[in-house]
Amino acid sequence: MKVYELRTYSLHVGKMAEAVKLYREIGYPVLEQSGAASKLVGYFQADTGAINQLVHLWRFDDDADRRAHWAALYANKAFIEDFAPKIRALIASQEVKLLLGAPWGPQP
């Protein structure tokens, strides 16, 4: 059964442009080079409601696949040393939700 992971990062006010720059220059290239981007459904920026948020949606085959994905990414030196410390300084809070696809309708 597919598992979806919705990650919402609320940034400190005024830090969105810096976060976008970090993702463009370091974060997303690391995901692509490591193969981790293959699990990504998409990145989104909140435009209304609770703004200053970056939202990621990930798709995994099952929970074991999800855990292996994050373990590999957290073992990636470029991600942990070059990207993570810089992006963490911009994040005020993080929320992670695990979702299971409903047994009807389309799924990403």
N, C-alpha and C. Protein backbone atom coordinates (compact mmCIF):
# COMPACT_ATOMS: atom_id res chain seq x y z
N MET A 1 0.84 -1.17 0.00
CA MET A 1 0.00 0.00 0.00
C MET A 1 0.89 1.24 0.00
N LYS A 2 0.64 2.15 -0.92
CA LYS A 2 1.40 3.39 -1.01
C LYS A 2 1.21 4.22 0.25
N VAL A 3 2.28 4.88 0.66
CA VAL A 3 2.26 5.80 1.79
C VAL A 3 2.68 7.17 1.27
N TYR A 4 1.93 8.18 1.64
CA TYR A 4 2.26 9.55 1.25
C TYR A 4 2.69 10.30 2.49
N GLU A 5 3.69 11.12 2.35
CA GLU A 5 4.18 11.91 3.47
C GLU A 5 4.06 13.38 3.09
N LEU A 6 3.30 14.10 3.88
CA LEU A 6 3.10 15.53 3.68
C LEU A 6 3.93 16.26 4.72
N ARG A 7 4.92 17.00 4.26
CA ARG A 7 5.80 17.76 5.16
C ARG A 7 5.53 19.24 4.96
N THR A 8 5.22 19.92 6.04
CA THR A 8 4.97 21.36 5.99
C THR A 8 5.98 22.06 6.88
N TYR A 9 6.75 22.94 6.28
CA TYR A 9 7.75 23.71 7.00
C TYR A 9 7.27 25.16 7.06
N SER A 10 7.05 25.66 8.27
CA SER A 10 6.70 27.07 8.45
C SER A 10 7.99 27.83 8.68
N LEU A 11 8.22 28.82 7.83
CA LEU A 11 9.46 29.59 7.89
C LEU A 11 9.29 30.83 8.75
N HIS A 12 10.40 31.32 9.25
CA HIS A 12 10.38 32.61 9.93
C HIS A 12 9.95 33.66 8.90
N VAL A 13 9.16 34.62 9.33
CA VAL A 13 8.67 35.66 8.44
C VAL A 13 9.85 36.35 7.75
N GLY A 14 9.73 36.52 6.45
CA GLY A 14 10.75 37.20 5.67
C GLY A 14 11.86 36.30 5.15
N LYS A 15 11.78 34.99 5.40
CA LYS A 15 12.86 34.08 5.02
C LYS A 15 12.55 33.23 3.78
N MET A 16 11.38 33.43 3.16
CA MET A 16 11.00 32.60 2.01
C MET A 16 11.99 32.73 0.86
N ALA A 17 12.38 33.93 0.50
CA ALA A 17 13.29 34.12 -0.63
C ALA A 17 14.62 33.40 -0.39
N GLU A 18 15.11 33.45 0.83
CA GLU A 18 16.36 32.76 1.16
C GLU A 18 16.18 31.23 1.08
N ALA A 19 15.04 30.74 1.54
CA ALA A 19 14.76 29.30 1.48
C ALA A 19 14.67 28.84 0.03
N VAL A 20 13.98 29.60 -0.81
CA VAL A 20 13.85 29.25 -2.23
C VAL A 20 15.23 29.19 -2.88
N LYS A 21 16.06 30.14 -2.57
CA LYS A 21 17.43 30.17 -3.12
C LYS A 21 18.21 28.93 -2.68
N LEU A 22 18.10 28.56 -1.40
CA LEU A 22 18.81 27.37 -0.90
C LEU A 22 18.32 26.09 -1.59
N TYR A 23 17.01 25.97 -1.75
CA TYR A 23 16.48 24.79 -2.43
C TYR A 23 16.93 24.74 -3.88
N ARG A 24 16.91 25.87 -4.57
CA ARG A 24 17.33 25.90 -5.98
C ARG A 24 18.80 25.57 -6.15
N GLU A 25 19.63 26.15 -5.30
CA GLU A 25 21.08 26.03 -5.48
C GLU A 25 21.69 24.79 -4.84
N ILE A 26 21.11 24.31 -3.71
CA ILE A 26 21.73 23.19 -3.00
C ILE A 26 20.75 22.04 -2.78
N GLY A 27 19.63 22.31 -2.14
CA GLY A 27 18.71 21.26 -1.70
C GLY A 27 18.18 20.37 -2.81
N TYR A 28 17.54 20.97 -3.81
CA TYR A 28 16.96 20.15 -4.87
C TYR A 28 18.03 19.48 -5.73
N PRO A 29 19.13 20.15 -6.07
CA PRO A 29 20.18 19.44 -6.81
C PRO A 29 20.71 18.21 -6.06
N VAL A 30 20.82 18.29 -4.74
CA VAL A 30 21.26 17.12 -3.96
C VAL A 30 20.23 16.00 -4.08
N LEU A 31 18.95 16.36 -3.98
CA LEU A 31 17.90 15.34 -4.12
C LEU A 31 17.95 14.67 -5.49
N GLU A 32 18.16 15.46 -6.54
CA GLU A 32 18.25 14.90 -7.89
C GLU A 32 19.47 14.00 -8.05
N GLN A 33 20.62 14.48 -7.59
CA GLN A 33 21.86 13.72 -7.76
C GLN A 33 21.85 12.41 -6.98
N SER A 34 21.18 12.40 -5.84
CA SER A 34 21.15 11.20 -5.01
C SER A 34 20.04 10.23 -5.42
N GLY A 35 19.14 10.67 -6.29
CA GLY A 35 18.00 9.84 -6.69
C GLY A 35 16.80 10.00 -5.78
N ALA A 36 16.94 10.76 -4.70
CA ALA A 36 15.84 10.95 -3.74
C ALA A 36 14.66 11.69 -4.35
N ALA A 37 14.89 12.50 -5.36
CA ALA A 37 13.81 13.28 -5.98
C ALA A 37 12.79 12.37 -6.67
N SER A 38 13.15 11.14 -6.95
CA SER A 38 12.21 10.23 -7.62
C SER A 38 10.99 9.92 -6.76
N LYS A 39 11.09 10.11 -5.47
CA LYS A 39 9.98 9.85 -4.54
C LYS A 39 9.12 11.10 -4.33
N LEU A 40 9.54 12.22 -4.87
CA LEU A 40 8.87 13.50 -4.65
C LEU A 40 7.70 13.67 -5.61
N VAL A 41 6.52 13.95 -5.06
CA VAL A 41 5.36 14.28 -5.88
C VAL A 41 5.43 15.74 -6.25
N GLY A 42 5.79 16.60 -5.29
CA GLY A 42 5.93 18.01 -5.59
C GLY A 42 6.25 18.86 -4.37
N TYR A 43 6.76 20.03 -4.66
CA TYR A 43 7.00 21.09 -3.68
C TYR A 43 5.99 22.18 -3.95
N PHE A 44 5.54 22.83 -2.90
CA PHE A 44 4.55 23.89 -3.03
C PHE A 44 4.87 25.00 -2.05
N GLN A 45 4.47 26.22 -2.38
CA GLN A 45 4.57 27.36 -1.48
C GLN A 45 3.16 27.80 -1.16
N ALA A 46 2.87 28.00 0.13
CA ALA A 46 1.55 28.46 0.55
C ALA A 46 1.35 29.89 0.06
N ASP A 47 0.18 30.15 -0.51
CA ASP A 47 -0.13 31.48 -1.05
C ASP A 47 -1.24 32.18 -0.29
N THR A 48 -2.06 31.41 0.41
CA THR A 48 -3.12 31.98 1.24
C THR A 48 -3.18 31.20 2.55
N GLY A 49 -3.99 31.67 3.48
CA GLY A 49 -4.09 30.99 4.77
C GLY A 49 -2.80 31.16 5.56
N ALA A 50 -2.29 30.06 6.08
CA ALA A 50 -1.02 30.10 6.81
C ALA A 50 0.10 30.24 5.78
N ILE A 51 0.59 31.45 5.60
CA ILE A 51 1.63 31.68 4.59
C ILE A 51 3.01 31.45 5.19
N ASN A 52 4.04 31.74 4.44
CA ASN A 52 5.42 31.47 4.83
C ASN A 52 5.66 29.99 5.06
N GLN A 53 5.02 29.16 4.23
CA GLN A 53 5.17 27.72 4.36
C GLN A 53 5.67 27.10 3.06
N LEU A 54 6.55 26.13 3.22
CA LEU A 54 6.97 25.25 2.13
C LEU A 54 6.35 23.89 2.41
N VAL A 55 5.73 23.31 1.41
CA VAL A 55 5.04 22.03 1.57
C VAL A 55 5.64 21.04 0.59
N HIS A 56 5.96 19.84 1.07
CA HIS A 56 6.49 18.76 0.24
C HIS A 56 5.50 17.62 0.32
N LEU A 57 5.26 16.96 -0.80
CA LEU A 57 4.48 15.73 -0.81
C LEU A 57 5.34 14.63 -1.42
N TRP A 58 5.52 13.55 -0.67
CA TRP A 58 6.35 12.43 -1.08
C TRP A 58 5.49 11.18 -1.21
N ARG A 59 5.85 10.27 -2.13
CA ARG A 59 5.13 9.01 -2.32
C ARG A 59 6.11 7.86 -2.15
N PHE A 60 5.73 6.91 -1.30
CA PHE A 60 6.56 5.74 -1.02
C PHE A 60 5.76 4.46 -1.23
N ASP A 61 6.46 3.38 -1.53
CA ASP A 61 5.80 2.09 -1.74
C ASP A 61 5.15 1.58 -0.46
N ASP A 62 5.81 1.82 0.68
CA ASP A 62 5.31 1.40 1.98
C ASP A 62 6.17 2.09 3.04
N ASP A 63 5.93 1.79 4.31
CA ASP A 63 6.67 2.46 5.37
C ASP A 63 8.16 2.11 5.34
N ALA A 64 8.49 0.88 4.98
CA ALA A 64 9.90 0.49 4.89
C ALA A 64 10.62 1.31 3.83
N ASP A 65 9.97 1.54 2.70
CA ASP A 65 10.52 2.37 1.64
C ASP A 65 10.73 3.80 2.14
N ARG A 66 9.76 4.32 2.87
CA ARG A 66 9.86 5.67 3.43
C ARG A 66 11.05 5.78 4.39
N ARG A 67 11.16 4.83 5.27
CA ARG A 67 12.27 4.85 6.24
C ARG A 67 13.63 4.72 5.55
N ALA A 68 13.72 3.88 4.55
CA ALA A 68 14.98 3.71 3.80
C ALA A 68 15.33 4.99 3.06
N HIS A 69 14.33 5.65 2.49
CA HIS A 69 14.55 6.91 1.79
C HIS A 69 15.17 7.96 2.70
N TRP A 70 14.55 8.18 3.86
CA TRP A 70 15.05 9.21 4.78
C TRP A 70 16.41 8.81 5.36
N ALA A 71 16.62 7.54 5.65
CA ALA A 71 17.92 7.10 6.16
C ALA A 71 19.03 7.39 5.15
N ALA A 72 18.76 7.11 3.88
CA ALA A 72 19.76 7.38 2.83
C ALA A 72 20.01 8.87 2.69
N LEU A 73 18.95 9.66 2.72
CA LEU A 73 19.13 11.10 2.58
C LEU A 73 19.89 11.69 3.76
N TYR A 74 19.57 11.23 4.97
CA TYR A 74 20.26 11.74 6.16
C TYR A 74 21.70 11.25 6.23
N ALA A 75 22.04 10.23 5.46
CA ALA A 75 23.43 9.77 5.37
C ALA A 75 24.20 10.48 4.26
N ASN A 76 23.50 11.30 3.48
CA ASN A 76 24.12 12.01 2.36
C ASN A 76 24.86 13.24 2.90
N LYS A 77 26.16 13.23 2.74
CA LYS A 77 27.01 14.29 3.30
C LYS A 77 26.64 15.68 2.76
N ALA A 78 26.38 15.77 1.48
CA ALA A 78 26.03 17.08 0.90
C ALA A 78 24.73 17.61 1.49
N PHE A 79 23.76 16.71 1.70
CA PHE A 79 22.48 17.14 2.26
C PHE A 79 22.66 17.58 3.71
N ILE A 80 23.35 16.77 4.49
CA ILE A 80 23.49 17.03 5.93
C ILE A 80 24.44 18.18 6.24
N GLU A 81 25.52 18.29 5.50
CA GLU A 81 26.52 19.32 5.83
C GLU A 81 26.33 20.62 5.05
N ASP A 82 25.88 20.54 3.80
CA ASP A 82 25.79 21.74 2.98
C ASP A 82 24.41 22.39 3.00
N PHE A 83 23.36 21.58 3.07
CA PHE A 83 22.00 22.12 2.98
C PHE A 83 21.28 22.22 4.32
N ALA A 84 21.23 21.14 5.06
CA ALA A 84 20.41 21.07 6.28
C ALA A 84 20.68 22.19 7.29
N PRO A 85 21.94 22.49 7.63
CA PRO A 85 22.16 23.54 8.63
C PRO A 85 21.65 24.91 8.17
N LYS A 86 21.74 25.17 6.88
CA LYS A 86 21.31 26.47 6.36
C LYS A 86 19.79 26.58 6.34
N ILE A 87 19.10 25.51 5.93
CA ILE A 87 17.65 25.58 5.87
C ILE A 87 17.04 25.53 7.27
N ARG A 88 17.64 24.78 8.17
CA ARG A 88 17.11 24.69 9.55
C ARG A 88 17.05 26.05 10.22
N ALA A 89 18.00 26.90 9.93
CA ALA A 89 18.03 28.24 10.53
C ALA A 89 16.83 29.09 10.09
N LEU A 90 16.19 28.72 9.00
CA LEU A 90 15.06 29.49 8.46
C LEU A 90 13.72 28.95 8.90
N ILE A 91 13.70 27.76 9.50
CA ILE A 91 12.46 27.07 9.83
C ILE A 91 12.02 27.37 11.26
N ALA A 92 10.76 27.80 11.39
CA ALA A 92 10.18 28.05 12.71
C ALA A 92 9.55 26.77 13.27
N SER A 93 8.90 25.98 12.39
CA SER A 93 8.28 24.72 12.84
C SER A 93 8.12 23.78 11.65
N GLN A 94 7.91 22.52 11.98
CA GLN A 94 7.75 21.48 10.96
C GLN A 94 6.60 20.57 11.38
N GLU A 95 5.79 20.16 10.41
CA GLU A 95 4.73 19.19 10.65
C GLU A 95 4.83 18.10 9.60
N VAL A 96 4.74 16.85 10.03
CA VAL A 96 4.80 15.72 9.11
C VAL A 96 3.54 14.89 9.31
N LYS A 97 2.85 14.60 8.21
CA LYS A 97 1.66 13.75 8.24
C LYS A 97 1.88 12.58 7.29
N LEU A 98 1.56 11.38 7.76
CA LEU A 98 1.57 10.21 6.90
C LEU A 98 0.14 9.96 6.45
N LEU A 99 -0.02 9.75 5.15
CA LEU A 99 -1.34 9.59 4.55
C LEU A 99 -1.39 8.29 3.77
N LEU A 100 -2.53 7.64 3.80
CA LEU A 100 -2.78 6.46 2.99
C LEU A 100 -3.81 6.83 1.94
N GLY A 101 -3.62 6.36 0.73
CA GLY A 101 -4.56 6.66 -0.34
C GLY A 101 -5.93 6.04 -0.05
N ALA A 102 -6.97 6.79 -0.34
CA ALA A 102 -8.32 6.27 -0.21
C ALA A 102 -8.54 5.20 -1.27
N PRO A 103 -9.42 4.23 -1.01
CA PRO A 103 -9.62 3.13 -1.95
C PRO A 103 -10.50 3.51 -3.15
N TRP A 104 -10.61 4.79 -3.48
CA TRP A 104 -11.35 5.26 -4.65
C TRP A 104 -10.65 6.51 -5.17
N GLY A 105 -10.95 6.89 -6.37
CA GLY A 105 -10.46 8.13 -6.96
C GLY A 105 -8.99 8.09 -7.32
N PRO A 106 -8.56 9.14 -8.00
CA PRO A 106 -7.15 9.20 -8.44
C PRO A 106 -6.20 9.46 -7.28
N GLN A 107 -4.98 9.01 -7.47
CA GLN A 107 -3.91 9.25 -6.51
C GLN A 107 -2.67 9.65 -7.29
N PRO A 108 -1.87 10.51 -6.72
CA PRO A 108 -0.66 10.93 -7.44
C PRO A 108 0.34 9.80 -7.57
